[in-house]
PDB file of N, CA and C in Angstrom:
ATOM      1  N   HIS A   1     160.263 133.950  -9.801  1.00  0.00           N
ATOM      2  CA  HIS A   1     161.706 134.097  -9.664  1.00  0.00           C
ATOM      3  C   HIS A   1     162.402 132.753  -9.827  1.00  0.00           C
ATOM      4  N   THR A   2     163.528 132.773 -10.475  1.00  0.00           N
ATOM      5  CA  THR A   2     164.346 131.575 -10.614  1.00  0.00           C
ATOM      6  C   THR A   2     165.037 131.309  -9.282  1.00  0.00           C
ATOM      7  N   PRO A   3     165.037 130.077  -8.788  1.00  0.00           N
ATOM      8  CA  PRO A   3     165.693 129.795  -7.513  1.00  0.00           C
ATOM      9  C   PRO A   3     167.216 129.793  -7.642  1.00  0.00           C
ATOM     10  N   TRP A   4     167.891 130.031  -6.535  1.00  0.00           N
ATOM     11  CA  TRP A   4     169.343 129.942  -6.465  1.00  0.00           C
ATOM     12  C   TRP A   4     169.749 128.474  -6.402  1.00  0.00           C
ATOM     13  N   THR A   5     170.880 128.154  -7.002  1.00  0.00           N
ATOM     14  CA  THR A   5     171.474 126.826  -6.827  1.00  0.00           C
ATOM     15  C   THR A   5     172.807 127.010  -6.132  1.00  0.00           C
ATOM     16  N   LEU A   6     173.170 126.077  -5.303  1.00  0.00           N
ATOM     17  CA  LEU A   6     174.431 126.114  -4.568  1.00  0.00           C
ATOM     18  C   LEU A   6     175.186 124.835  -4.892  1.00  0.00           C
ATOM     19  N   GLU A   7     176.468 124.986  -5.231  1.00  0.00           N
ATOM     20  CA  GLU A   7     177.270 123.829  -5.602  1.00  0.00           C
ATOM     21  C   GLU A   7     178.634 123.916  -4.918  1.00  0.00           C
ATOM     22  N   VAL A   8     179.037 122.831  -4.276  1.00  0.00           N
ATOM     23  CA  VAL A   8     180.387 122.722  -3.714  1.00  0.00           C
ATOM     24  C   VAL A   8     181.202 121.959  -4.745  1.00  0.00           C
ATOM     25  N   ARG A   9     182.272 122.597  -5.246  1.00  0.00           N
ATOM     26  CA  ARG A   9     183.027 121.982  -6.344  1.00  0.00           C
ATOM     27  C   ARG A   9     184.277 121.247  -5.901  1.00  0.00           C
ATOM     28  N   SER A  10     184.856 121.649  -4.781  1.00  0.00           N
ATOM     29  CA  SER A  10     186.052 120.967  -4.298  1.00  0.00           C
ATOM     30  C   SER A  10     186.163 121.172  -2.792  1.00  0.00           C
ATOM     31  N   TYR A  11     187.069 120.431  -2.180  1.00  0.00           N
ATOM     32  CA  TYR A  11     187.205 120.465  -0.731  1.00  0.00           C
ATOM     33  C   TYR A  11     188.651 120.722  -0.321  1.00  0.00           C
ATOM     34  N   LEU A  12     188.819 121.468   0.795  1.00  0.00           N
ATOM     35  CA  LEU A  12     190.145 121.630   1.381  1.00  0.00           C
ATOM     36  C   LEU A  12     190.602 120.287   1.941  1.00  0.00           C
ATOM     37  N   ASP A  13     189.667 119.627   2.612  1.00  0.00           N
ATOM     38  CA  ASP A  13     189.951 118.340   3.241  1.00  0.00           C
ATOM     39  C   ASP A  13     188.672 117.522   3.157  1.00  0.00           C
ATOM     40  N   ASP A  14     188.723 116.415   2.454  1.00  0.00           N
ATOM     41  CA  ASP A  14     187.506 115.618   2.318  1.00  0.00           C
ATOM     42  C   ASP A  14     187.567 114.323   3.130  1.00  0.00           C
ATOM     43  N   THR A  15     188.454 114.293   4.122  1.00  0.00           N
ATOM     44  CA  THR A  15     188.535 113.128   4.990  1.00  0.00           C
ATOM     45  C   THR A  15     187.694 113.369   6.232  1.00  0.00           C
ATOM     46  N   GLY A  16     187.233 112.313   6.825  1.00  0.00           N
ATOM     47  CA  GLY A  16     186.445 112.448   8.043  1.00  0.00           C
ATOM     48  C   GLY A  16     184.985 112.735   7.754  1.00  0.00           C
ATOM     49  N   PRO A  17     184.194 112.853   8.826  1.00  0.00           N
ATOM     50  CA  PRO A  17     182.744 113.014   8.668  1.00  0.00           C
ATOM     51  C   PRO A  17     182.299 114.422   8.248  1.00  0.00           C
ATOM     52  N   ASN A  18     183.159 115.446   8.396  1.00  0.00           N
ATOM     53  CA  ASN A  18     182.781 116.826   8.076  1.00  0.00           C
ATOM     54  C   ASN A  18     183.760 117.442   7.086  1.00  0.00           C
ATOM     55  N   PRO A  19     183.624 117.152   5.786  1.00  0.00           N
ATOM     56  CA  PRO A  19     184.542 117.739   4.803  1.00  0.00           C
ATOM     57  C   PRO A  19     184.415 119.258   4.772  1.00  0.00           C
ATOM     58  N   VAL A  20     185.522 119.942   4.512  1.00  0.00           N
ATOM     59  CA  VAL A  20     185.569 121.406   4.480  1.00  0.00           C
ATOM     60  C   VAL A  20     185.552 121.878   3.030  1.00  0.00           C
ATOM     61  N   PRO A  21     184.486 122.603   2.613  1.00  0.00           N
ATOM     62  CA  PRO A  21     184.418 123.076   1.224  1.00  0.00           C
ATOM     63  C   PRO A  21     185.564 124.047   0.899  1.00  0.00           C
ATOM     64  N   LYS A  22     186.061 123.969  -0.324  1.00  0.00           N
ATOM     65  CA  LYS A  22     187.084 124.895  -0.813  1.00  0.00           C
ATOM     66  C   LYS A  22     186.470 125.937  -1.747  1.00  0.00           C
ATOM     67  N   ARG A  23     185.517 125.527  -2.572  1.00  0.00           N
ATOM     68  CA  ARG A  23     184.881 126.433  -3.535  1.00  0.00           C
ATOM     69  C   ARG A  23     183.374 126.221  -3.490  1.00  0.00           C
ATOM     70  N   ILE A  24     182.653 127.297  -3.208  1.00  0.00           N
ATOM     71  CA  ILE A  24     181.193 127.242  -3.147  1.00  0.00           C
ATOM     72  C   ILE A  24     180.665 128.207  -4.209  1.00  0.00           C
ATOM     73  N   SER A  25     179.863 127.689  -5.109  1.00  0.00           N
ATOM     74  CA  SER A  25     179.318 128.501  -6.198  1.00  0.00           C
ATOM     75  C   SER A  25     177.810 128.640  -6.003  1.00  0.00           C
ATOM     76  N   MET A  26     177.312 129.888  -6.060  1.00  0.00           N
ATOM     77  CA  MET A  26     175.875 130.156  -5.981  1.00  0.00           C
ATOM     78  C   MET A  26     175.472 130.821  -7.291  1.00  0.00           C
ATOM     79  N   ASP A  27     174.368 130.351  -7.864  1.00  0.00           N
ATOM     80  CA  ASP A  27     174.003 130.803  -9.201  1.00  0.00           C
ATOM     81  C   ASP A  27     172.484 130.946  -9.309  1.00  0.00           C
ATOM     82  N   ARG A  28     172.065 132.032  -9.954  1.00  0.00           N
ATOM     83  CA  ARG A  28     170.646 132.218 -10.294  1.00  0.00           C
ATOM     84  C   ARG A  28     170.613 132.800 -11.702  1.00  0.00           C
ATOM     85  N   PRO A  29     170.404 131.934 -12.687  1.00  0.00           N
ATOM     86  CA  PRO A  29     170.409 132.386 -14.072  1.00  0.00           C
ATOM     87  C   PRO A  29     169.343 133.443 -14.325  1.00  0.00           C
ATOM     88  N   PRO A  30     169.564 134.326 -15.267  1.00  0.00           N
ATOM     89  CA  PRO A  30     170.660 134.311 -16.216  1.00  0.00           C
ATOM     90  C   PRO A  30     171.863 135.158 -15.803  1.00  0.00           C
ATOM     91  N   THR A  31     171.755 136.011 -14.785  1.00  0.00           N
ATOM     92  CA  THR A  31     172.850 136.969 -14.564  1.00  0.00           C
ATOM     93  C   THR A  31     173.454 136.993 -13.165  1.00  0.00           C
ATOM     94  N   GLU A  32     172.855 136.354 -12.186  1.00  0.00           N
ATOM     95  CA  GLU A  32     173.361 136.482 -10.820  1.00  0.00           C
ATOM     96  C   GLU A  32     174.218 135.284 -10.432  1.00  0.00           C
ATOM     97  N   LYS A  33     175.418 135.589  -9.889  1.00  0.00           N
ATOM     98  CA  LYS A  33     176.347 134.531  -9.534  1.00  0.00           C
ATOM     99  C   LYS A  33     177.269 135.022  -8.418  1.00  0.00           C
ATOM    100  N   ALA A  34     177.598 134.135  -7.503  1.00  0.00           N
ATOM    101  CA  ALA A  34     178.566 134.437  -6.445  1.00  0.00           C
ATOM    102  C   ALA A  34     179.422 133.198  -6.237  1.00  0.00           C
ATOM    103  N   ILE A  35     180.705 133.406  -6.023  1.00  0.00           N
ATOM    104  CA  ILE A  35     181.626 132.308  -5.759  1.00  0.00           C
ATOM    105  C   ILE A  35     182.396 132.637  -4.488  1.00  0.00           C
ATOM    106  N   ILE A  36     182.437 131.681  -3.577  1.00  0.00           N
ATOM    107  CA  ILE A  36     183.184 131.838  -2.327  1.00  0.00           C
ATOM    108  C   ILE A  36     184.333 130.842  -2.356  1.00  0.00           C
ATOM    109  N   PHE A  37     185.551 131.341  -2.141  1.00  0.00           N
ATOM    110  CA  PHE A  37     186.728 130.487  -2.036  1.00  0.00           C
ATOM    111  C   PHE A  37     187.164 130.460  -0.575  1.00  0.00           C
ATOM    112  N   VAL A  38     187.262 129.277   0.005  1.00  0.00           N
ATOM    113  CA  VAL A  38     187.723 129.123   1.380  1.00  0.00           C
ATOM    114  C   VAL A  38     189.210 128.787   1.320  1.00  0.00           C
ATOM    115  N   LYS A  39     190.031 129.683   1.841  1.00  0.00           N
ATOM    116  CA  LYS A  39     191.477 129.468   1.802  1.00  0.00           C
ATOM    117  C   LYS A  39     191.967 128.677   3.006  1.00  0.00           C
ATOM    118  N   LYS A  40     191.314 128.924   4.145  1.00  0.00           N
ATOM    119  CA  LYS A  40     191.780 128.276   5.363  1.00  0.00           C
ATOM    120  C   LYS A  40     190.632 128.259   6.363  1.00  0.00           C
ATOM    121  N   LEU A  41     190.549 127.205   7.149  1.00  0.00           N
ATOM    122  CA  LEU A  41     189.532 127.107   8.190  1.00  0.00           C
ATOM    123  C   LEU A  41     190.254 127.072   9.529  1.00  0.00           C
ATOM    124  N   GLU A  42     189.903 128.003  10.394  1.00  0.00           N
ATOM    125  CA  GLU A  42     190.524 128.103  11.715  1.00  0.00           C
ATOM    126  C   GLU A  42     189.457 128.016  12.784  1.00  0.00           C
ATOM    127  N   TYR A  43     189.668 127.173  13.767  1.00  0.00           N
ATOM    128  CA  TYR A  43     188.773 127.110  14.911  1.00  0.00           C
ATOM    129  C   TYR A  43     189.361 127.979  16.006  1.00  0.00           C
ATOM    130  N   LYS A  44     188.497 128.751  16.681  1.00  0.00           N
ATOM    131  CA  LYS A  44     188.959 129.648  17.730  1.00  0.00           C
ATOM    132  C   LYS A  44     188.292 129.270  19.050  1.00  0.00           C
ATOM    133  N   ASP A  45     189.016 129.491  20.134  1.00  0.00           N
ATOM    134  CA  ASP A  45     188.475 129.233  21.473  1.00  0.00           C
ATOM    135  C   ASP A  45     187.705 130.428  22.012  1.00  0.00           C
ATOM    136  N   GLU A  46     187.810 131.569  21.328  1.00  0.00           N
ATOM    137  CA  GLU A  46     187.131 132.789  21.763  1.00  0.00           C
ATOM    138  C   GLU A  46     186.411 133.406  20.570  1.00  0.00           C
ATOM    139  N   PRO A  47     185.435 134.288  20.797  1.00  0.00           N
ATOM    140  CA  PRO A  47     184.718 134.916  19.680  1.00  0.00           C
ATOM    141  C   PRO A  47     185.659 135.751  18.802  1.00  0.00           C
ATOM    142  N   TRP A  48     185.302 135.846  17.526  1.00  0.00           N
ATOM    143  CA  TRP A  48     186.067 136.682  16.604  1.00  0.00           C
ATOM    144  C   TRP A  48     185.899 138.143  16.999  1.00  0.00           C
ATOM    145  N   PRO A  49     186.970 138.938  16.914  1.00  0.00           N
ATOM    146  CA  PRO A  49     186.837 140.378  17.167  1.00  0.00           C
ATOM    147  C   PRO A  49     185.924 141.011  16.108  1.00  0.00           C
ATOM    148  N   ASP A  50     185.130 142.008  16.509  1.00  0.00           N
ATOM    149  CA  ASP A  50     184.218 142.677  15.575  1.00  0.00           C
ATOM    150  C   ASP A  50     184.938 143.175  14.327  1.00  0.00           C
ATOM    151  N   LYS A  51     186.133 143.714  14.481  1.00  0.00           N
ATOM    152  CA  LYS A  51     186.908 144.249  13.353  1.00  0.00           C
ATOM    153  C   LYS A  51     187.195 143.155  12.311  1.00  0.00           C
ATOM    154  N   SER A  52     187.380 141.926  12.766  1.00  0.00           N
ATOM    155  CA  SER A  52     187.677 140.824  11.851  1.00  0.00           C
ATOM    156  C   SER A  52     186.462 140.390  11.044  1.00  0.00           C
ATOM    157  N   LEU A  53     185.276 140.812  11.453  1.00  0.00           N
ATOM    158  CA  LEU A  53     184.049 140.424  10.762  1.00  0.00           C
ATOM    159  C   LEU A  53     183.580 141.473   9.758  1.00  0.00           C
ATOM    160  N   GLU A  54     184.308 142.582   9.640  1.00  0.00           N
ATOM    161  CA  GLU A  54     183.937 143.640   8.709  1.00  0.00           C
ATOM    162  C   GLU A  54     184.329 143.258   7.281  1.00  0.00           C
ATOM    163  N   LEU A  55     183.547 143.748   6.323  1.00  0.00           N
ATOM    164  CA  LEU A  55     183.812 143.488   4.915  1.00  0.00           C
ATOM    165  C   LEU A  55     183.574 144.770   4.137  1.00  0.00           C
ATOM    166  N   ASP A  56     184.615 145.277   3.494  1.00  0.00           N
ATOM    167  CA  ASP A  56     184.481 146.467   2.651  1.00  0.00           C
ATOM    168  C   ASP A  56     183.951 146.045   1.286  1.00  0.00           C
ATOM    169  N   LEU A  57     182.806 146.597   0.911  1.00  0.00           N
ATOM    170  CA  LEU A  57     182.175 146.255  -0.357  1.00  0.00           C
ATOM    171  C   LEU A  57     182.405 147.356  -1.391  1.00  0.00           C
ATOM    172  N   PRO A  58     182.483 147.001  -2.670  1.00  0.00           N
ATOM    173  CA  PRO A  58     182.616 148.017  -3.720  1.00  0.00           C
ATOM    174  C   PRO A  58     181.407 148.959  -3.700  1.00  0.00           C
ATOM    175  N   ASP A  59     181.592 150.185  -4.197  1.00  0.00           N
ATOM    176  CA  ASP A  59     180.551 151.214  -4.186  1.00  0.00           C
ATOM    177  C   ASP A  59     179.246 150.786  -4.849  1.00  0.00           C
ATOM    178  N   GLN A  60     179.298 150.003  -5.900  1.00  0.00           N
ATOM    179  CA  GLN A  60     178.106 149.637  -6.660  1.00  0.00           C
ATOM    180  C   GLN A  60     177.423 148.359  -6.149  1.00  0.00           C
ATOM    181  N   THR A  61     177.823 147.861  -4.982  1.00  0.00           N
ATOM    182  CA  THR A  61     177.271 146.616  -4.452  1.00  0.00           C
ATOM    183  C   THR A  61     175.816 146.797  -4.039  1.00  0.00           C
ATOM    184  N   GLU A  62     174.955 145.889  -4.490  1.00  0.00           N
ATOM    185  CA  GLU A  62     173.547 145.886  -4.097  1.00  0.00           C
ATOM    186  C   GLU A  62     173.384 144.880  -2.959  1.00  0.00           C
ATOM    187  N   ILE A  63     172.876 145.337  -1.835  1.00  0.00           N
ATOM    188  CA  ILE A  63     172.729 144.474  -0.663  1.00  0.00           C
ATOM    189  C   ILE A  63     171.287 143.979  -0.591  1.00  0.00           C
ATOM    190  N   ARG A  64     171.125 142.673  -0.422  1.00  0.00           N
ATOM    191  CA  ARG A  64     169.805 142.052  -0.303  1.00  0.00           C
ATOM    192  C   ARG A  64     169.788 141.192   0.963  1.00  0.00           C
ATOM    193  N   LEU A  65     168.712 141.276   1.710  1.00  0.00           N
ATOM    194  CA  LEU A  65     168.548 140.446   2.891  1.00  0.00           C
ATOM    195  C   LEU A  65     167.921 139.129   2.482  1.00  0.00           C
ATOM    196  N   LEU A  66     168.644 138.028   2.628  1.00  0.00           N
ATOM    197  CA  LEU A  66     168.150 136.740   2.177  1.00  0.00           C
ATOM    198  C   LEU A  66     167.012 136.218   3.038  1.00  0.00           C
ATOM    199  N   LYS A  67     166.958 136.619   4.288  1.00  0.00           N
ATOM    200  CA  LYS A  67     165.896 136.114   5.161  1.00  0.00           C
ATOM    201  C   LYS A  67     164.516 136.629   4.751  1.00  0.00           C
ATOM    202  N   ASP A  68     164.464 137.715   3.979  1.00  0.00           N
ATOM    203  CA  ASP A  68     163.190 138.282   3.549  1.00  0.00           C
ATOM    204  C   ASP A  68     162.732 137.761   2.196  1.00  0.00           C
ATOM    205  N   VAL A  69     163.503 136.891   1.572  1.00  0.00           N
ATOM    206  CA  VAL A  69     163.165 136.374   0.243  1.00  0.00           C
ATOM    207  C   VAL A  69     162.057 135.338   0.384  1.00  0.00           C
ATOM    208  N   GLN A  70     161.024 135.510  -0.404  1.00  0.00           N
ATOM    209  CA  GLN A  70     159.893 134.573  -0.405  1.00  0.00           C
ATOM    210  C   GLN A  70     159.955 133.719  -1.665  1.00  0.00           C
ATOM    211  N   PRO A  71     159.653 132.414  -1.547  1.00  0.00           N
ATOM    212  CA  PRO A  71     159.689 131.549  -2.750  1.00  0.00           C
ATOM    213  C   PRO A  71     158.604 131.902  -3.731  1.00  0.00           C
TER     214      PRO A  71
END
């Protein structure tokens, strides 16, 4: 299997010791790719509500557990 590559292309804030990524690209040639755009980073004093952690996926989405992937 071809390994995944992860690339941070830009930052929301690149000052200080912990820069905040703005665009994260994950790629596994020739056909698999994912891009995450971070619009805003918010720190909370309490846990996120369960409803806020839900994600509606398109019908044709294939779900893979990354923890079970062997090199």
